Amino acid sequence: MYEQHRETLDQALKAIAERGYWSAYPESPSPRVYGEGAADEGKRAFEAYLGKPFPLEQAGEPVGAERSPYGLDLGVTYPSASAETLVAAAGKAVPAWRDAGAEARALACVEMVDRVNKRSFELANAVQHTTGQAFVMAFQAGGPHAQDRALEAIAYGYAAMTAAADAARWSKPAKGDPLVMEKRFTVVPRGVGVVIGCNTFPTWNAYPGLFASLVTGNPVIVKPHPGAILPLAITVGICRDVLAEAGFDPDLVQLAPEEGRGLASDLATHPDVRIVDFTGSTEYGDWLERNARQALVHTEKAGVNTIVVDSTDSLRGMLGNIAFSLSLYSGQMCTAPQNILIPEQGIETDEGHRSFDEVCQGLSAALGKLLGDDARAVELTGAIVNDGVLSRVDSAPSLGEVILESRALKHPAFPDAVVRTPTLIKTSDPEVYGREHFGPIAFVIPTSGTADSLELLRRTVKARGALTASVYSTSEQVLGDAERAAVDAGVNLSCNLTGGVFVNQSAAFSDYHGTGANPAATASLTDPGFVAGRFHVVQSRRHA
């Protein structure tokens, strides 16, 4: 049915092996790419959902209380059922999907992602108005970048399932005639999967787990964050349509929304749930790891992302790159830098020696220049996603010496949007910088030297976890030491970023997101380990 996707699957398999640049879905929202009228059509599709029950053929009581960070009440309701009902329906859907085989599942999954891509503008509006991302970022990160991550997971799952033959003729020499047997090896799914979504990147973080489980034969229950249901509801609807058209039970993919709390825990600890994928707080991630004992649990939690500044041959490039990384989506990214370690005696640059204070002033000036015009700045910062982030920003001045105050920006299109620029705080208190402060809050930390900075990086990441680390140095010795520190701590490292690549961005098919080697995550998006535990191989044999 979906044979036209074989080339896409083959290209994805090649990409995960070679790790070079490849993208299946264009990231530009230009009409030259997606067609004239695509943007308007997507916006109309989004607006058609507002104030109505979402068109999803699942039984359940209506729930939904999403409010856009830009000031709009979405008013969409979704069918909500109990954990028992959802798990039972998922289990009944398994046999035909399991028996279809790896290739049929993979091609059907690629069809799902292809249809998701065709509705990228619709999804972009849904992501923007549930997360507070600016529109272009919502389109890219919530659309094509998330879709690439989905395809990457499909490719890894397919590669793992087909790494060995599914049948073999076994012949062992013996006295007289050899012993001959025919053997068959069947991929058996682990069981019902649950994907617990987050508020800030509902598609980008959910798609890997969703499609890794689905391609390996498992039914998936998608439990969105109560503040970001719509993007995943659209996705689930598309998946169900493809499954039904291909002759499978659409309950292989179900939506599990809720307004309050408790459904995620009920699902995650249900005895028939065998896979849990979660992105969110450290507290709840740790709870899942302790309590969902019957399941394979993958978590991506909070971390303390760190930049080590030793020296630079492009002071302006360094400061501009860091300023952009701090400002992008108001720091509301699990990969955004928080701690900036600078030797107290200053650094050497292409513009001469700069003292600690001068580096701080330069970074403040770079942020001021980048965010000086409100109308342009809001297209970078987006809006504050929830009251918890706003509360942390408001209380940040009590954490140390304020180098740069956060300020409110006026959004020209959404007057009720809550927008804040990053704040810079100087501190030497490990109780402050040693924990995550999610949002537009960064700390500049004086150290006794670069060796001290690298040791602090190593110690902090081992204790608290991190998804990214960065270093700036003109010394090959320092760069080597930084790589060794990153390997010791189990964190991905970026070196001397001064151009159009930023530490808080990662590219599907090439960059690994997280490592599973420090407390911030138990897995990497995406590597073989992320998919391997989602299925087993069962053999049968008989004499030939």
Protein backbone atom coordinates (compact mmCIF):
# COMPACT_ATOMS: atom_id res chain seq x y z
CA MET A 1 0.00 0.00 0.00
CA TYR A 2 2.81 2.38 0.83
CA GLU A 3 5.52 1.05 -1.47
CA GLN A 4 6.25 4.63 -2.58
CA HIS A 5 7.95 5.20 0.78
CA ARG A 6 10.61 2.54 0.30
CA GLU A 7 13.14 5.04 -1.04
CA THR A 8 12.58 7.33 1.94
CA LEU A 9 13.10 4.43 4.32
CA ASP A 10 16.25 3.36 2.50
CA GLN A 11 17.64 6.90 2.66
CA ALA A 12 16.89 7.08 6.37
CA LEU A 13 18.69 3.78 6.95
CA LYS A 14 21.70 5.12 5.08
CA ALA A 15 21.59 8.38 7.06
CA ILE A 16 21.62 6.73 10.50
CA ALA A 17 24.66 4.73 9.45
CA GLU A 18 26.65 7.58 7.91
CA ARG A 19 25.58 10.34 10.38
CA GLY A 20 26.00 13.10 7.79
CA TYR A 21 23.46 15.78 6.88
CA TRP A 22 20.16 14.53 5.52
CA SER A 23 16.60 15.68 6.00
CA ALA A 24 13.47 14.19 4.52
CA TYR A 25 11.27 17.18 5.24
CA PRO A 26 12.14 20.80 4.31
CA GLU A 27 12.37 23.11 7.33
CA SER A 28 11.50 26.31 5.45
CA PRO A 29 7.88 27.47 5.70
CA SER A 30 8.25 29.22 2.35
CA PRO A 31 5.33 28.88 -0.11
CA ARG A 32 7.96 27.91 -2.69
CA VAL A 33 8.51 24.75 -0.66
CA TYR A 34 5.07 23.85 0.68
CA GLY A 35 2.93 25.59 -1.93
CA GLU A 36 1.01 28.82 -2.26
CA GLY A 37 -1.80 28.99 0.24
CA ALA A 38 -0.42 26.24 2.50
CA ALA A 39 0.12 28.65 5.39
CA ASP A 40 -3.40 30.08 5.20
CA GLU A 41 -4.90 26.64 4.84
CA GLY A 42 -3.02 25.44 7.91
CA LYS A 43 -4.16 28.40 9.97
CA ARG A 44 -7.78 27.84 8.95
CA ALA A 45 -7.50 24.17 9.87
CA PHE A 46 -6.17 25.14 13.31
CA GLU A 47 -8.89 27.74 13.86
CA ALA A 48 -11.55 25.20 12.90
CA TYR A 49 -10.68 23.16 16.01
CA LEU A 50 -11.21 26.02 18.45
CA GLY A 51 -14.18 25.89 20.77
CA LYS A 52 -15.28 22.43 19.59
CA PRO A 53 -14.85 18.74 20.40
CA PHE A 54 -11.80 17.39 18.59
CA PRO A 55 -12.81 14.98 15.79
CA LEU A 56 -11.35 11.77 17.16
CA GLU A 57 -13.25 8.48 17.11
CA GLN A 58 -12.46 7.43 20.65
CA ALA A 59 -14.99 6.99 23.42
CA GLY A 60 -14.65 9.02 26.60
CA GLU A 61 -15.73 12.01 28.62
CA PRO A 62 -14.81 15.42 27.17
CA VAL A 63 -11.85 17.22 28.80
CA GLY A 64 -9.67 20.13 27.78
CA ALA A 65 -8.58 23.46 29.20
CA GLU A 66 -5.68 24.58 27.00
CA ARG A 67 -4.84 28.28 27.01
CA SER A 68 -2.33 29.75 24.60
CA PRO A 69 0.66 31.57 26.13
CA TYR A 70 -0.33 34.26 23.62
CA GLY A 71 -3.62 34.83 25.45
CA LEU A 72 -6.07 32.67 23.52
CA ASP A 73 -8.40 30.10 25.14
CA LEU A 74 -8.44 27.19 22.73
CA GLY A 75 -11.67 25.69 24.02
CA VAL A 76 -11.01 22.30 22.40
CA THR A 77 -12.27 19.19 24.16
CA TYR A 78 -10.99 15.63 23.77
CA PRO A 79 -12.35 12.21 24.76
CA SER A 80 -10.79 10.94 27.98
CA ALA A 81 -11.02 7.32 29.13
CA SER A 82 -9.61 5.34 32.04
CA ALA A 83 -6.25 3.64 31.97
CA GLU A 84 -7.97 0.25 32.09
CA THR A 85 -10.12 1.04 29.04
CA LEU A 86 -7.21 2.37 27.01
CA VAL A 87 -4.87 -0.52 27.82
CA ALA A 88 -7.53 -3.13 27.06
CA ALA A 89 -8.27 -1.58 23.65
CA ALA A 90 -4.56 -1.38 22.86
CA GLY A 91 -4.01 -5.04 23.67
CA LYS A 92 -6.78 -6.20 21.36
CA ALA A 93 -5.19 -4.34 18.44
CA VAL A 94 -1.83 -6.12 18.59
CA PRO A 95 -2.09 -9.46 16.71
CA ALA A 96 -2.63 -8.23 13.13
CA TRP A 97 -0.04 -5.45 13.52
CA ARG A 98 2.51 -7.89 14.95
CA ASP A 99 1.90 -10.43 12.20
CA ALA A 100 2.20 -7.82 9.41
CA GLY A 101 5.97 -7.89 9.78
CA ALA A 102 8.71 -5.30 10.08
CA GLU A 103 8.59 -4.04 6.51
CA ALA A 104 4.84 -3.45 6.39
CA ARG A 105 4.91 -1.68 9.75
CA ALA A 106 7.83 0.52 8.75
CA LEU A 107 6.25 1.60 5.45
CA ALA A 108 2.93 2.30 7.16
CA CYS A 109 4.72 4.40 9.78
CA VAL A 110 6.52 6.40 7.09
CA GLU A 111 3.12 7.06 5.51
CA MET A 112 1.93 8.44 8.85
CA VAL A 113 4.90 10.80 9.06
CA ASP A 114 4.43 11.83 5.42
CA ARG A 115 0.83 12.82 6.16
CA VAL A 116 1.93 14.66 9.29
CA ASN A 117 4.39 16.60 7.14
CA LYS A 118 1.66 17.63 4.73
CA ARG A 119 -0.14 19.25 7.69
CA SER A 120 2.91 21.06 9.06
CA PHE A 121 1.30 24.51 9.01
CA GLU A 122 -1.71 23.24 10.90
CA LEU A 123 0.60 21.65 13.45
CA ALA A 124 2.75 24.79 13.64
CA ASN A 125 -0.24 26.84 14.76
CA ALA A 126 -1.17 24.18 17.29
CA VAL A 127 2.39 24.05 18.64
CA GLN A 128 2.69 27.84 18.77
CA HIS A 129 -0.51 28.24 20.76
CA THR A 130 0.18 25.47 23.24
CA THR A 131 3.90 26.04 23.88
CA GLY A 132 4.49 29.75 23.33
CA GLN A 133 7.10 29.12 20.65
CA ALA A 134 7.36 31.78 17.96
CA PHE A 135 5.71 30.66 14.73
CA VAL A 136 8.83 29.86 12.68
CA MET A 137 10.29 27.82 15.52
CA ALA A 138 6.93 26.09 16.04
CA PHE A 139 6.90 25.22 12.34
CA GLN A 140 10.46 23.93 12.28
CA ALA A 141 10.85 22.22 15.65
CA GLY A 142 7.23 21.12 15.91
CA GLY A 143 7.04 20.15 12.24
CA PRO A 144 9.87 19.00 9.94
CA HIS A 145 12.49 18.60 12.69
CA ALA A 146 10.10 16.46 14.76
CA GLN A 147 9.15 14.53 11.64
CA ASP A 148 12.80 13.81 10.92
CA ARG A 149 13.15 12.49 14.47
CA ALA A 150 10.13 10.25 13.88
CA LEU A 151 11.64 8.89 10.67
CA GLU A 152 14.96 8.39 12.44
CA ALA A 153 13.24 6.26 15.11
CA ILE A 154 11.46 4.23 12.41
CA ALA A 155 14.78 3.60 10.68
CA TYR A 156 16.49 2.50 13.89
CA GLY A 157 13.58 0.21 14.74
CA TYR A 158 13.53 -1.35 11.28
CA ALA A 159 17.32 -1.80 11.27
CA ALA A 160 17.22 -3.53 14.66
CA MET A 161 14.40 -5.89 13.63
CA THR A 162 16.08 -6.86 10.36
CA ALA A 163 19.67 -7.13 11.58
CA ALA A 164 19.50 -10.90 11.30
CA ALA A 165 17.65 -13.30 8.98
CA ASP A 166 14.06 -14.17 9.82
CA ALA A 167 14.55 -17.77 8.68
CA ALA A 168 17.48 -20.18 8.40
CA ARG A 169 18.28 -23.72 7.34
CA TRP A 170 20.58 -25.20 10.01
CA SER A 171 22.79 -28.09 9.02
CA LYS A 172 25.23 -29.70 11.47
CA PRO A 173 27.65 -32.38 10.24
CA ALA A 174 27.17 -35.74 11.94
CA LYS A 175 28.00 -39.38 11.41
CA GLY A 176 25.94 -40.35 8.46
CA ASP A 177 23.45 -37.74 7.38
CA PRO A 178 23.80 -34.22 8.82
CA LEU A 179 21.33 -32.88 11.33
CA VAL A 180 19.13 -30.44 9.44
CA MET A 181 16.53 -28.10 10.88
CA GLU A 182 14.40 -25.27 9.57
CA LYS A 183 14.27 -22.31 11.92
CA ARG A 184 12.04 -19.25 11.98
CA PHE A 185 12.60 -16.10 14.04
CA THR A 186 9.65 -13.83 14.80
CA VAL A 187 9.83 -10.31 16.16
CA VAL A 188 7.44 -10.10 19.10
CA PRO A 189 6.51 -6.68 20.49
CA ARG A 190 7.23 -6.02 24.14
CA GLY A 191 3.71 -4.77 24.90
CA VAL A 192 1.64 -1.64 25.34
CA GLY A 193 3.65 1.58 25.18
CA VAL A 194 2.81 4.88 26.86
CA VAL A 195 4.27 8.18 25.69
CA ILE A 196 3.98 10.97 28.28
CA GLY A 197 4.32 14.31 26.50
CA CYS A 198 5.73 17.64 27.65
CA ASN A 199 4.43 21.21 27.49
CA THR A 200 7.31 22.81 25.57
CA PHE A 201 8.04 20.42 22.67
CA PRO A 202 5.00 18.16 22.42
CA THR A 203 5.83 16.65 19.01
CA TRP A 204 9.65 16.78 18.94
CA ASN A 205 9.93 14.91 22.22
CA ALA A 206 7.00 12.52 21.72
CA TYR A 207 7.58 11.33 18.16
CA PRO A 208 10.72 9.23 18.80
CA GLY A 209 9.03 7.09 21.46
CA LEU A 210 5.74 6.92 19.57
CA PHE A 211 7.25 5.68 16.32
CA ALA A 212 9.99 3.54 17.86
CA SER A 213 7.32 1.58 19.72
CA LEU A 214 4.86 1.48 16.84
CA VAL A 215 7.31 0.26 14.20
CA THR A 216 8.48 -2.54 16.49
CA GLY A 217 4.90 -3.81 16.80
CA ASN A 218 3.70 -2.20 20.00
CA PRO A 219 0.43 -0.28 20.46
CA VAL A 220 0.94 3.20 21.86
CA ILE A 221 -1.14 5.32 24.22
CA VAL A 222 -0.20 8.99 23.84
CA LYS A 223 -0.70 10.92 27.07
CA PRO A 224 -0.14 14.64 26.30
CA HIS A 225 0.67 17.38 28.79
CA PRO A 226 -2.65 19.03 29.78
CA GLY A 227 -1.38 22.32 28.36
CA ALA A 228 -0.32 20.90 24.99
CA ILE A 229 -2.87 18.35 23.82
CA LEU A 230 -3.80 19.65 20.36
CA PRO A 231 -0.53 18.91 18.49
CA LEU A 232 -0.54 15.31 19.65
CA ALA A 233 -4.29 14.95 19.07
CA ILE A 234 -3.74 15.93 15.42
CA THR A 235 -0.88 13.43 15.21
CA VAL A 236 -2.90 10.61 16.78
CA GLY A 237 -5.78 11.32 14.41
CA ILE A 238 -3.48 11.01 11.40
CA CYS A 239 -1.97 7.75 12.69
CA ARG A 240 -5.41 6.27 13.29
CA ASP A 241 -6.54 7.22 9.78
CA VAL A 242 -3.56 5.45 8.20
CA LEU A 243 -4.02 2.35 10.34
CA ALA A 244 -7.71 2.09 9.47
CA GLU A 245 -7.06 2.56 5.75
CA ALA A 246 -4.41 -0.16 5.85
CA GLY A 247 -6.80 -2.59 7.52
CA PHE A 248 -5.44 -2.40 11.06
CA ASP A 249 -7.24 -1.56 14.29
CA PRO A 250 -6.88 2.22 14.84
CA ASP A 251 -6.68 1.61 18.59
CA LEU A 252 -3.03 0.78 17.99
CA VAL A 253 -2.62 4.52 18.63
CA GLN A 254 -4.84 6.23 21.20
CA LEU A 255 -4.97 9.65 22.80
CA ALA A 256 -5.14 9.84 26.61
CA PRO A 257 -5.82 13.46 27.61
CA GLU A 258 -6.60 14.65 31.11
CA GLU A 259 -7.24 17.93 32.90
CA GLY A 260 -6.03 16.97 36.35
CA ARG A 261 -3.32 14.61 37.52
CA GLY A 262 -3.11 10.87 37.90
CA LEU A 263 -3.78 9.31 34.49
CA ALA A 264 -0.09 9.28 33.54
CA SER A 265 0.78 7.40 36.72
CA ASP A 266 -2.14 5.00 36.32
CA LEU A 267 -1.01 4.19 32.80
CA ALA A 268 2.70 3.98 33.58
CA THR A 269 2.20 1.51 36.44
CA HIS A 270 -0.50 -0.61 34.77
CA PRO A 271 0.72 -4.22 34.74
CA ASP A 272 0.08 -4.57 31.00
CA VAL A 273 2.04 -1.43 30.07
CA ARG A 274 5.53 -2.53 29.12
CA ILE A 275 7.14 0.63 27.69
CA VAL A 276 7.12 4.20 29.04
CA ASP A 277 8.64 7.21 27.29
CA PHE A 278 8.67 10.46 29.29
CA THR A 279 9.97 13.98 28.88
CA GLY A 280 9.63 16.44 31.75
CA SER A 281 10.67 17.16 35.30
CA THR A 282 13.39 15.30 37.17
CA GLU A 283 11.02 14.69 40.08
CA TYR A 284 8.43 12.85 38.00
CA GLY A 285 11.01 11.12 35.84
CA ASP A 286 12.66 9.72 38.95
CA TRP A 287 9.25 8.61 40.22
CA LEU A 288 8.60 6.73 36.99
CA GLU A 289 11.97 5.01 37.14
CA ARG A 290 11.25 3.87 40.70
CA ASN A 291 7.61 2.85 40.29
CA ALA A 292 7.01 1.68 36.70
CA ARG A 293 8.98 -1.45 37.49
CA GLN A 294 7.11 -3.67 35.03
CA ALA A 295 8.06 -1.47 32.07
CA LEU A 296 11.07 -0.40 30.05
CA VAL A 297 11.30 3.28 31.07
CA HIS A 298 12.99 5.95 28.97
CA THR A 299 13.14 9.38 30.58
CA GLU A 300 14.48 12.76 29.52
CA LYS A 301 14.62 15.03 32.55
CA ALA A 302 16.14 18.28 33.73
CA GLY A 303 19.83 19.05 33.48
CA VAL A 304 22.37 21.77 34.20
CA ASN A 305 23.80 22.64 30.80
CA THR A 306 27.17 24.34 30.97
CA ILE A 307 29.46 26.53 28.85
CA VAL A 308 33.19 26.65 29.62
CA VAL A 309 34.91 29.82 28.37
CA ASP A 310 38.71 29.59 28.17
CA SER A 311 39.66 31.80 25.20
CA THR A 312 38.38 32.66 21.74
CA ASP A 313 39.55 33.84 18.35
CA SER A 314 36.14 35.42 17.70
CA LEU A 315 34.90 37.36 20.71
CA ARG A 316 31.93 38.86 18.90
CA GLY A 317 31.04 35.51 17.35
CA MET A 318 31.21 33.77 20.72
CA LEU A 319 29.12 36.38 22.54
CA GLY A 320 26.56 36.53 19.74
CA ASN A 321 26.23 32.76 19.61
CA ILE A 322 25.77 32.47 23.39
CA ALA A 323 23.28 35.35 23.41
CA PHE A 324 21.20 33.65 20.71
CA SER A 325 21.30 30.33 22.58
CA LEU A 326 20.10 31.99 25.80
CA SER A 327 17.31 33.86 24.00
CA LEU A 328 15.93 31.12 21.76
CA TYR A 329 12.43 30.29 23.04
CA SER A 330 13.30 32.21 26.22
CA GLY A 331 15.60 29.42 27.38
CA GLN A 332 12.62 27.06 27.68
CA MET A 333 14.56 24.23 26.10
CA CYS A 334 16.03 21.21 27.86
CA THR A 335 19.20 21.89 25.85
CA ALA A 336 19.52 25.61 26.65
CA PRO A 337 22.73 26.66 28.45
CA GLN A 338 22.43 27.78 32.05
CA ASN A 339 25.89 27.95 33.65
CA ILE A 340 28.67 29.98 31.99
CA LEU A 341 32.05 29.30 33.61
CA ILE A 342 34.64 32.07 33.12
CA PRO A 343 38.10 32.32 34.73
CA GLU A 344 38.09 35.11 37.31
CA GLN A 345 41.33 36.47 35.78
CA GLY A 346 39.62 36.86 32.39
CA ILE A 347 40.30 35.39 28.95
CA GLU A 348 42.42 35.97 25.86
CA THR A 349 40.53 36.95 22.70
CA ASP A 350 41.14 38.20 19.18
CA GLU A 351 40.44 41.68 20.59
CA GLY A 352 42.98 41.36 23.40
CA HIS A 353 42.64 40.33 27.02
CA ARG A 354 39.17 40.69 28.50
CA SER A 355 38.53 40.65 32.22
CA PHE A 356 35.75 38.61 33.80
CA ASP A 357 33.60 41.73 34.13
CA GLU A 358 34.27 42.74 30.53
CA VAL A 359 33.15 39.33 29.26
CA CYS A 360 29.96 39.68 31.31
CA GLN A 361 29.39 43.19 29.99
CA GLY A 362 30.01 41.98 26.44
CA LEU A 363 27.44 39.24 26.81
CA SER A 364 24.93 41.71 28.26
CA ALA A 365 25.55 44.03 25.30
CA ALA A 366 25.11 41.15 22.82
CA LEU A 367 21.78 40.27 24.41
CA GLY A 368 20.73 43.91 24.36
CA LYS A 369 21.58 44.23 20.67
CA LEU A 370 19.85 40.97 19.77
CA LEU A 371 16.66 41.76 21.69
CA GLY A 372 16.59 45.54 21.47
CA ASP A 373 13.60 45.74 19.13
CA ASP A 374 10.48 44.18 20.68
CA ALA A 375 8.81 43.27 17.40
CA ARG A 376 11.85 41.36 16.18
CA ALA A 377 12.78 39.95 19.58
CA VAL A 378 9.47 38.18 20.17
CA GLU A 379 10.03 36.13 17.01
CA LEU A 380 13.07 34.68 18.77
CA THR A 381 11.94 34.51 22.39
CA GLY A 382 8.36 33.40 21.90
CA ALA A 383 6.20 33.60 25.03
CA ILE A 384 6.54 32.20 28.55
CA VAL A 385 4.89 28.78 28.55
CA ASN A 386 3.48 28.70 32.10
CA ASP A 387 3.35 30.44 35.47
CA GLY A 388 6.13 28.27 36.90
CA VAL A 389 8.67 29.70 34.46
CA LEU A 390 7.42 33.25 35.08
CA SER A 391 7.74 32.79 38.84
CA ARG A 392 11.35 31.62 38.49
CA VAL A 393 12.23 34.63 36.34
CA ASP A 394 10.63 37.03 38.80
CA SER A 395 12.52 35.54 41.75
CA ALA A 396 15.87 35.19 39.95
CA PRO A 397 17.36 38.49 41.29
CA SER A 398 17.46 36.94 44.77
CA LEU A 399 19.92 34.28 43.54
CA GLY A 400 22.98 36.52 43.17
CA GLU A 401 24.33 39.72 41.66
CA VAL A 402 22.21 40.84 38.72
CA ILE A 403 24.38 41.50 35.66
CA LEU A 404 21.44 41.94 33.30
CA GLU A 405 17.81 42.27 34.28
CA SER A 406 15.05 40.42 32.48
CA ARG A 407 12.59 42.78 30.87
CA ALA A 408 9.06 42.37 29.54
CA LEU A 409 8.50 42.66 25.80
CA LYS A 410 5.31 43.78 24.08
CA HIS A 411 4.11 41.41 21.39
CA PRO A 412 2.69 43.41 18.46
CA ALA A 413 0.23 40.68 17.43
CA PHE A 414 -0.73 39.23 20.82
CA PRO A 415 -1.12 41.94 23.49
CA ASP A 416 -1.86 39.35 26.24
CA ALA A 417 1.32 37.36 25.61
CA VAL A 418 3.78 37.15 28.51
CA VAL A 419 7.28 37.63 27.11
CA ARG A 420 10.54 37.97 29.06
CA THR A 421 14.15 38.42 27.98
CA PRO A 422 16.97 36.44 29.65
CA THR A 423 18.51 37.55 32.92
CA LEU A 424 22.19 37.13 33.79
CA ILE A 425 23.12 36.47 37.41
CA LYS A 426 26.64 36.33 38.85
CA THR A 427 27.02 33.71 41.55
CA SER A 428 29.59 31.43 43.18
CA ASP A 429 27.01 29.50 45.19
CA PRO A 430 26.90 25.81 44.16
CA GLU A 431 23.48 25.50 45.77
CA VAL A 432 22.24 27.99 43.16
CA TYR A 433 24.04 27.00 39.97
CA GLY A 434 24.06 23.29 40.87
CA ARG A 435 20.36 22.88 40.07
CA GLU A 436 18.26 23.63 37.02
CA HIS A 437 16.37 26.92 36.72
CA PHE A 438 14.22 26.22 33.65
CA GLY A 439 13.56 29.37 31.65
CA PRO A 440 15.43 32.53 30.62
CA ILE A 441 17.88 32.47 33.55
CA ALA A 442 21.64 32.10 33.14
CA PHE A 443 24.47 32.25 35.66
CA VAL A 444 27.98 33.60 35.08
CA ILE A 445 30.32 31.84 37.47
CA PRO A 446 33.90 32.91 38.20
CA THR A 447 36.40 30.05 38.49
CA SER A 448 40.07 29.89 39.43
CA GLY A 449 40.91 28.84 35.86
CA THR A 450 39.92 26.58 33.01
CA ALA A 451 41.03 23.42 34.82
CA ASP A 452 38.71 24.39 37.66
CA SER A 453 35.92 25.08 35.13
CA LEU A 454 36.29 21.64 33.54
CA GLU A 455 36.31 19.93 36.90
CA LEU A 456 33.17 21.86 37.85
CA LEU A 457 31.56 20.79 34.58
CA ARG A 458 32.45 17.17 35.22
CA ARG A 459 31.22 17.23 38.82
CA THR A 460 27.97 19.08 38.11
CA VAL A 461 26.96 16.91 35.18
CA LYS A 462 27.66 13.70 37.06
CA ALA A 463 25.59 14.89 40.00
CA ARG A 464 22.74 16.73 38.26
CA GLY A 465 22.89 15.68 34.62
CA ALA A 466 23.02 17.72 31.43
CA LEU A 467 21.92 17.37 27.83
CA THR A 468 24.49 19.77 26.38
CA ALA A 469 27.90 21.20 27.16
CA SER A 470 30.01 23.73 25.29
CA VAL A 471 33.59 24.99 25.36
CA TYR A 472 35.39 27.96 23.83
CA SER A 473 39.17 27.77 23.52
CA THR A 474 41.99 28.45 21.07
CA SER A 475 44.08 25.74 22.75
CA GLU A 476 44.05 22.20 21.38
CA GLN A 477 45.15 21.01 24.81
CA VAL A 478 42.12 22.63 26.44
CA LEU A 479 39.78 21.28 23.77
CA GLY A 480 41.18 17.80 24.34
CA ASP A 481 40.78 18.18 28.09
CA ALA A 482 37.19 19.35 27.55
CA GLU A 483 36.39 16.32 25.40
CA ARG A 484 37.78 14.02 28.09
CA ALA A 485 35.73 15.82 30.76
CA ALA A 486 32.61 15.47 28.63
CA VAL A 487 33.24 11.77 28.07
CA ASP A 488 33.81 11.28 31.82
CA ALA A 489 30.58 13.10 32.60
CA GLY A 490 28.63 11.45 29.77
CA VAL A 491 27.46 14.65 28.05
CA ASN A 492 27.53 15.75 24.40
CA LEU A 493 30.01 18.57 23.74
CA SER A 494 30.10 21.44 21.24
CA CYS A 495 33.33 23.34 20.60
CA ASN A 496 33.81 26.96 19.51
CA LEU A 497 30.33 27.63 18.15
CA THR A 498 30.41 31.11 16.64
CA GLY A 499 28.25 30.82 13.52
CA GLY A 500 24.87 29.40 12.57
CA VAL A 501 25.00 26.28 14.76
CA PHE A 502 23.85 26.64 18.37
CA VAL A 503 24.40 24.40 21.37
CA ASN A 504 20.68 23.98 22.07
CA GLN A 505 19.87 22.63 18.61
CA SER A 506 20.48 19.11 17.34
CA ALA A 507 20.09 17.61 13.89
CA ALA A 508 18.25 14.34 13.32
CA PHE A 509 20.22 11.50 11.71
CA SER A 510 23.50 13.06 12.87
CA ASP A 511 23.37 14.51 16.40
CA TYR A 512 22.48 12.39 19.39
CA HIS A 513 20.08 14.12 21.78
CA GLY A 514 21.08 13.11 25.29
CA THR A 515 23.32 10.16 26.01
CA GLY A 516 21.76 8.09 28.76
CA ALA A 517 25.17 8.33 30.45
CA ASN A 518 24.27 11.00 33.04
CA PRO A 519 21.22 11.66 35.24
CA ALA A 520 19.47 13.95 32.71
CA ALA A 521 18.30 11.06 30.53
CA THR A 522 18.16 7.28 30.47
CA ALA A 523 18.40 7.07 26.68
CA SER A 524 19.57 8.90 23.59
CA LEU A 525 17.30 10.19 20.84
CA THR A 526 17.99 8.24 18.81
CA ASP A 527 20.41 5.33 18.96
CA PRO A 528 20.14 1.52 18.75
CA GLY A 529 19.64 1.26 22.51
CA PHE A 530 16.51 3.41 22.29
CA VAL A 531 14.71 0.84 20.14
CA ALA A 532 16.28 -2.51 20.98
CA GLY A 533 14.32 -3.23 24.17
CA ARG A 534 10.96 -2.62 22.48
CA PHE A 535 10.79 -6.11 20.97
CA HIS A 536 11.93 -9.69 21.51
CA VAL A 537 12.74 -12.45 19.04
CA VAL A 538 10.95 -15.78 19.42
CA GLN A 539 12.12 -18.77 17.40
CA SER A 540 10.52 -22.00 16.24
CA ARG A 541 12.44 -24.95 14.77
CA ARG A 542 11.67 -28.32 13.24
CA HIS A 543 13.56 -31.07 11.55
CA ALA A 544 13.79 -30.61 7.82
